[in-house]
Every structure is written in structure tokens, then in C-alpha cells.
Amino acid sequence: LASWIDKVMKAAQLWFAVVGVVTLFNIDFHSIGVRSSLILTLSFLGVGIYSGIKGNPMGIFYTIAQTPYLIGYFLFAGLSIGIFEFSLINRYGYIVGTFFELVTFSLALGYRFRLLERDKFDSQADLLALQGTLNEQLQLQVTERTSELASATEALRRINSDYEALLQNVRVGIVSISNDKAFAFT
């Protein structure tokens, strides 16, 4: 759906560029641009409504923000192309709609920041919990290794003690040669 919407948006950009250039040479094309922009803005509103229905809170903010603006814009466009008679509402309604749109989008931006901050804190909490789990596992491994090393040290002490006792009780002479070829007599 997103790629389809992207293609439609590119086609709309091309359309409005062509209408804008043609309007430079013939002002009658202005009403074509206004009418087609009315259709395009309604489709944007439809996308916002669809997004809100699908559970995107930003789609709901978009729909709420765009509705008063579009009503004012439609009234002004209708006045511009001769569908409506002049009135203050038809002439300046889009300004009130624009103000409402800006306020709503500001609130949406604040809401989005709050969601991002909450996600950041949740991620940090998950990371801290994972770090705690890893620390516990590491502590368990250190305890196991320390126990293994203590057992190995005790076994070496016993072997050394047995070897020392053997050397003390032997009745013959023992000669040992060190790595530097020195002789030692026991």
C-alpha cells in the first residue's frame, strides 16, 4: 500500500507542476488546479482516516488537524472558482482551520515525543534487566571457576605434600637437574 501511495503522490506532484506551468500561460487552468487539489486533499484525509482506523495514533491526529483546515480550504476554493458567494467564513475560514491544524500538529508532535521517550525508557529498563541477568550469570561462572580452582589448588597442595614426604623419607640420594643444567642433591 505504501508503494502505491508513493506512486500516486509522485503523479500528483507531476500533475500540479504541469497545471502550474500551464496556468502561467492561461489563467483558466487555475480552476482546474483548485478542483484537482480539492480531490487530492480529500484523498489525504482518506489516508489519515484509514491510518487511524488501522490503529496509528498519528493518523487520528492528522485527521483531526486536517478536517477544519479542509473545510476552510473548500469554502475558500469554492469562493475562488465561483461556487460560493463572498462571506467572511468563505474568505477567512481556512485561516482558522490552519490555526487549528497547527495547534493539533503541535500536540501530536508532543505526543510523539512522549511516545519516543517512553520507548527509550522501556528500552533502557530492558537493557538494565538484561545487564542484571548477565551479571548474575557471570557471578555464577566466577563462583564455579573459583570453586574449581580451589579444588585444583588443594589437589596440588596434597600432591606437593606427598612428594615432600616422599623426599624426606627416602633412604637413597636423589639428584635433580634444573633447566639451567644445575645439579641438586637430596
Protein backbone atom coordinates (compact mmCIF):
# COMPACT_ATOMS: atom_id res chain seq x y z
CA LEU A 1 0.00 0.00 0.00
CA ALA A 2 2.83 2.42 0.84
CA SER A 3 4.47 2.00 -2.58
CA TRP A 4 1.13 2.60 -4.27
CA ILE A 5 0.58 5.79 -2.24
CA ASP A 6 4.12 6.89 -3.11
CA LYS A 7 3.39 6.46 -6.84
CA VAL A 8 0.14 8.42 -6.52
CA MET A 9 1.98 11.22 -4.71
CA LYS A 10 4.61 11.42 -7.46
CA ALA A 11 1.90 11.51 -10.11
CA ALA A 12 0.12 14.28 -8.18
CA GLN A 13 3.33 16.30 -7.98
CA LEU A 14 3.79 15.99 -11.73
CA TRP A 15 0.15 16.93 -12.34
CA PHE A 16 0.36 20.07 -10.21
CA ALA A 17 3.65 21.07 -11.80
CA VAL A 18 2.07 20.82 -15.26
CA VAL A 19 -1.08 22.70 -14.16
CA GLY A 20 1.08 25.38 -12.53
CA VAL A 21 3.13 25.92 -15.69
CA VAL A 22 0.06 25.93 -17.94
CA THR A 23 -1.67 28.41 -15.60
CA LEU A 24 1.19 30.84 -16.23
CA PHE A 25 0.08 30.98 -19.88
CA ASN A 26 -3.68 30.64 -19.43
CA ILE A 27 -5.32 31.66 -16.13
CA ASP A 28 -8.37 29.49 -16.90
CA PHE A 29 -6.32 26.47 -15.81
CA HIS A 30 -6.26 27.89 -12.27
CA SER A 31 -9.71 26.46 -11.58
CA ILE A 32 -8.51 23.03 -12.81
CA GLY A 33 -5.66 23.19 -10.29
CA VAL A 34 -8.03 24.21 -7.50
CA ARG A 35 -10.51 21.45 -8.31
CA SER A 36 -7.82 18.79 -8.53
CA SER A 37 -6.24 19.95 -5.27
CA LEU A 38 -9.63 19.54 -3.60
CA ILE A 39 -9.66 15.91 -4.73
CA LEU A 40 -6.06 15.39 -3.62
CA THR A 41 -6.63 16.86 -0.16
CA LEU A 42 -9.70 14.66 0.27
CA SER A 43 -7.55 11.64 -0.60
CA PHE A 44 -5.02 12.76 2.03
CA LEU A 45 -7.82 12.94 4.54
CA GLY A 46 -8.87 9.43 3.49
CA VAL A 47 -5.34 8.15 4.08
CA GLY A 48 -5.37 9.77 7.54
CA ILE A 49 -8.71 8.17 8.40
CA TYR A 50 -7.51 4.77 7.12
CA SER A 51 -4.31 5.10 9.16
CA GLY A 52 -6.33 5.97 12.29
CA ILE A 53 -8.64 3.00 11.76
CA LYS A 54 -5.57 0.76 11.49
CA GLY A 55 -4.50 1.94 14.97
CA ASN A 56 -1.93 4.61 14.16
CA PRO A 57 -2.46 7.46 16.66
CA MET A 58 -0.68 9.87 14.30
CA GLY A 59 -3.38 9.13 11.70
CA ILE A 60 -6.00 10.20 14.22
CA PHE A 61 -4.13 13.44 14.96
CA TYR A 62 -3.76 14.06 11.22
CA THR A 63 -7.48 13.57 10.61
CA ILE A 64 -8.44 15.85 13.50
CA ALA A 65 -5.98 18.51 12.35
CA GLN A 66 -6.87 18.39 8.67
CA THR A 67 -10.67 18.41 8.93
CA PRO A 68 -11.17 22.09 9.97
CA TYR A 69 -8.42 23.17 7.60
CA LEU A 70 -10.02 21.32 4.69
CA ILE A 71 -13.45 22.73 5.43
CA GLY A 72 -12.00 26.24 5.36
CA TYR A 73 -9.97 25.40 2.26
CA PHE A 74 -13.04 24.02 0.44
CA LEU A 75 -15.01 27.15 1.30
CA PHE A 76 -12.20 29.38 0.04
CA ALA A 77 -11.68 27.27 -3.10
CA GLY A 78 -15.42 27.36 -3.79
CA LEU A 79 -15.31 31.13 -3.44
CA SER A 80 -12.24 31.28 -5.71
CA ILE A 81 -13.85 29.30 -8.54
CA GLY A 82 -17.27 30.96 -8.17
CA ILE A 83 -19.29 28.23 -6.46
CA PHE A 84 -19.91 30.26 -3.26
CA GLU A 85 -20.74 33.89 -2.67
CA PHE A 86 -18.35 36.05 -0.67
CA SER A 87 -18.63 35.86 3.12
CA LEU A 88 -16.13 36.20 5.93
CA ILE A 89 -16.37 32.47 6.63
CA ASN A 90 -15.77 31.55 2.97
CA ARG A 91 -12.92 34.03 2.67
CA TYR A 92 -11.10 33.52 6.00
CA GLY A 93 -12.28 30.11 7.28
CA TYR A 94 -9.11 28.41 6.09
CA ILE A 95 -7.06 30.71 8.36
CA VAL A 96 -8.96 29.47 11.42
CA GLY A 97 -8.58 25.93 10.07
CA THR A 98 -4.84 26.49 9.61
CA PHE A 99 -4.52 27.72 13.21
CA PHE A 100 -6.41 24.66 14.46
CA GLU A 101 -4.20 22.46 12.27
CA LEU A 102 -1.00 23.98 13.69
CA VAL A 103 -2.17 23.60 17.28
CA THR A 104 -3.23 19.98 16.69
CA PHE A 105 0.02 19.11 14.93
CA SER A 106 1.95 20.69 17.81
CA LEU A 107 0.05 18.49 20.24
CA ALA A 108 0.70 15.48 18.00
CA LEU A 109 4.39 16.29 17.98
CA GLY A 110 4.43 16.48 21.77
CA TYR A 111 2.54 13.19 21.95
CA ARG A 112 5.06 11.59 19.56
CA PHE A 113 7.98 12.85 21.67
CA ARG A 114 6.33 11.39 24.76
CA LEU A 115 5.92 8.03 23.00
CA LEU A 116 9.56 8.07 21.91
CA GLU A 117 10.67 8.97 25.42
CA ARG A 118 8.59 6.14 26.87
CA ASP A 119 10.09 3.72 24.32
CA LYS A 120 13.56 4.96 25.29
CA PHE A 121 12.89 4.38 28.99
CA ASP A 122 11.39 0.95 28.29
CA SER A 123 14.45 0.04 26.22
CA GLN A 124 16.76 1.25 28.98
CA ALA A 125 14.83 -0.80 31.56
CA ASP A 126 15.08 -3.87 29.32
CA LEU A 127 18.79 -3.25 28.89
CA LEU A 128 19.31 -2.88 32.65
CA ALA A 129 17.36 -6.10 33.28
CA LEU A 130 19.49 -7.89 30.69
CA GLN A 131 22.63 -6.47 32.27
CA GLY A 132 21.47 -7.72 35.68
CA THR A 133 20.83 -11.20 34.26
CA LEU A 134 24.24 -11.24 32.59
CA ASN A 135 25.89 -10.07 35.82
CA GLU A 136 24.20 -12.88 37.74
CA GLN A 137 25.35 -15.41 35.15
CA LEU A 138 28.87 -14.02 35.24
CA GLN A 139 28.91 -14.12 39.06
CA LEU A 140 27.74 -17.74 38.96
CA GLN A 141 30.51 -18.61 36.48
CA VAL A 142 33.12 -16.82 38.63
CA THR A 143 31.91 -18.71 41.71
CA GLU A 144 32.07 -22.03 39.84
CA ARG A 145 35.58 -21.27 38.50
CA THR A 146 36.77 -20.16 41.93
CA SER A 147 35.49 -23.41 43.41
CA GLU A 148 37.19 -25.42 40.66
CA LEU A 149 40.46 -23.52 41.18
CA ALA A 150 40.25 -24.02 44.96
CA SER A 151 39.77 -27.77 44.43
CA ALA A 152 42.68 -27.87 41.96
CA THR A 153 44.87 -25.88 44.37
CA GLU A 154 44.01 -28.28 47.21
CA ALA A 155 44.83 -31.27 44.99
CA LEU A 156 48.19 -29.71 44.05
CA ARG A 157 48.91 -28.98 47.72
CA ARG A 158 48.24 -32.63 48.60
CA ILE A 159 50.46 -33.85 45.74
CA ASN A 160 53.21 -31.44 46.79
CA SER A 161 52.86 -32.56 50.40
CA ASP A 162 53.03 -36.22 49.37
CA TYR A 163 56.06 -35.51 47.19
CA GLU A 164 57.75 -33.63 50.03
CA ALA A 165 57.05 -36.51 52.43
CA LEU A 166 58.45 -38.97 49.90
CA LEU A 167 61.64 -36.97 49.55
CA GLN A 168 62.04 -36.72 53.34
CA ASN A 169 61.62 -40.44 53.92
CA VAL A 170 63.68 -41.86 51.09
CA ARG A 171 66.95 -43.55 52.19
CA VAL A 172 68.89 -43.06 48.99
CA GLY A 173 70.34 -39.95 47.36
CA ILE A 174 68.38 -38.20 44.67
CA VAL A 175 69.93 -35.98 42.05
CA SER A 176 67.86 -33.47 40.13
CA ILE A 177 68.89 -31.34 37.18
CA SER A 178 67.29 -27.93 36.73
CA ASN A 179 66.53 -26.25 33.40
CA ASP A 180 69.87 -24.38 33.55
CA LYS A 181 71.67 -27.74 33.96
CA ALA A 182 72.50 -27.26 37.61
CA PHE A 183 72.69 -30.36 39.78
CA ALA A 184 70.92 -30.57 43.11
CA PHE A 185 71.49 -33.42 45.60
CA THR A 186 68.97 -34.50 48.17
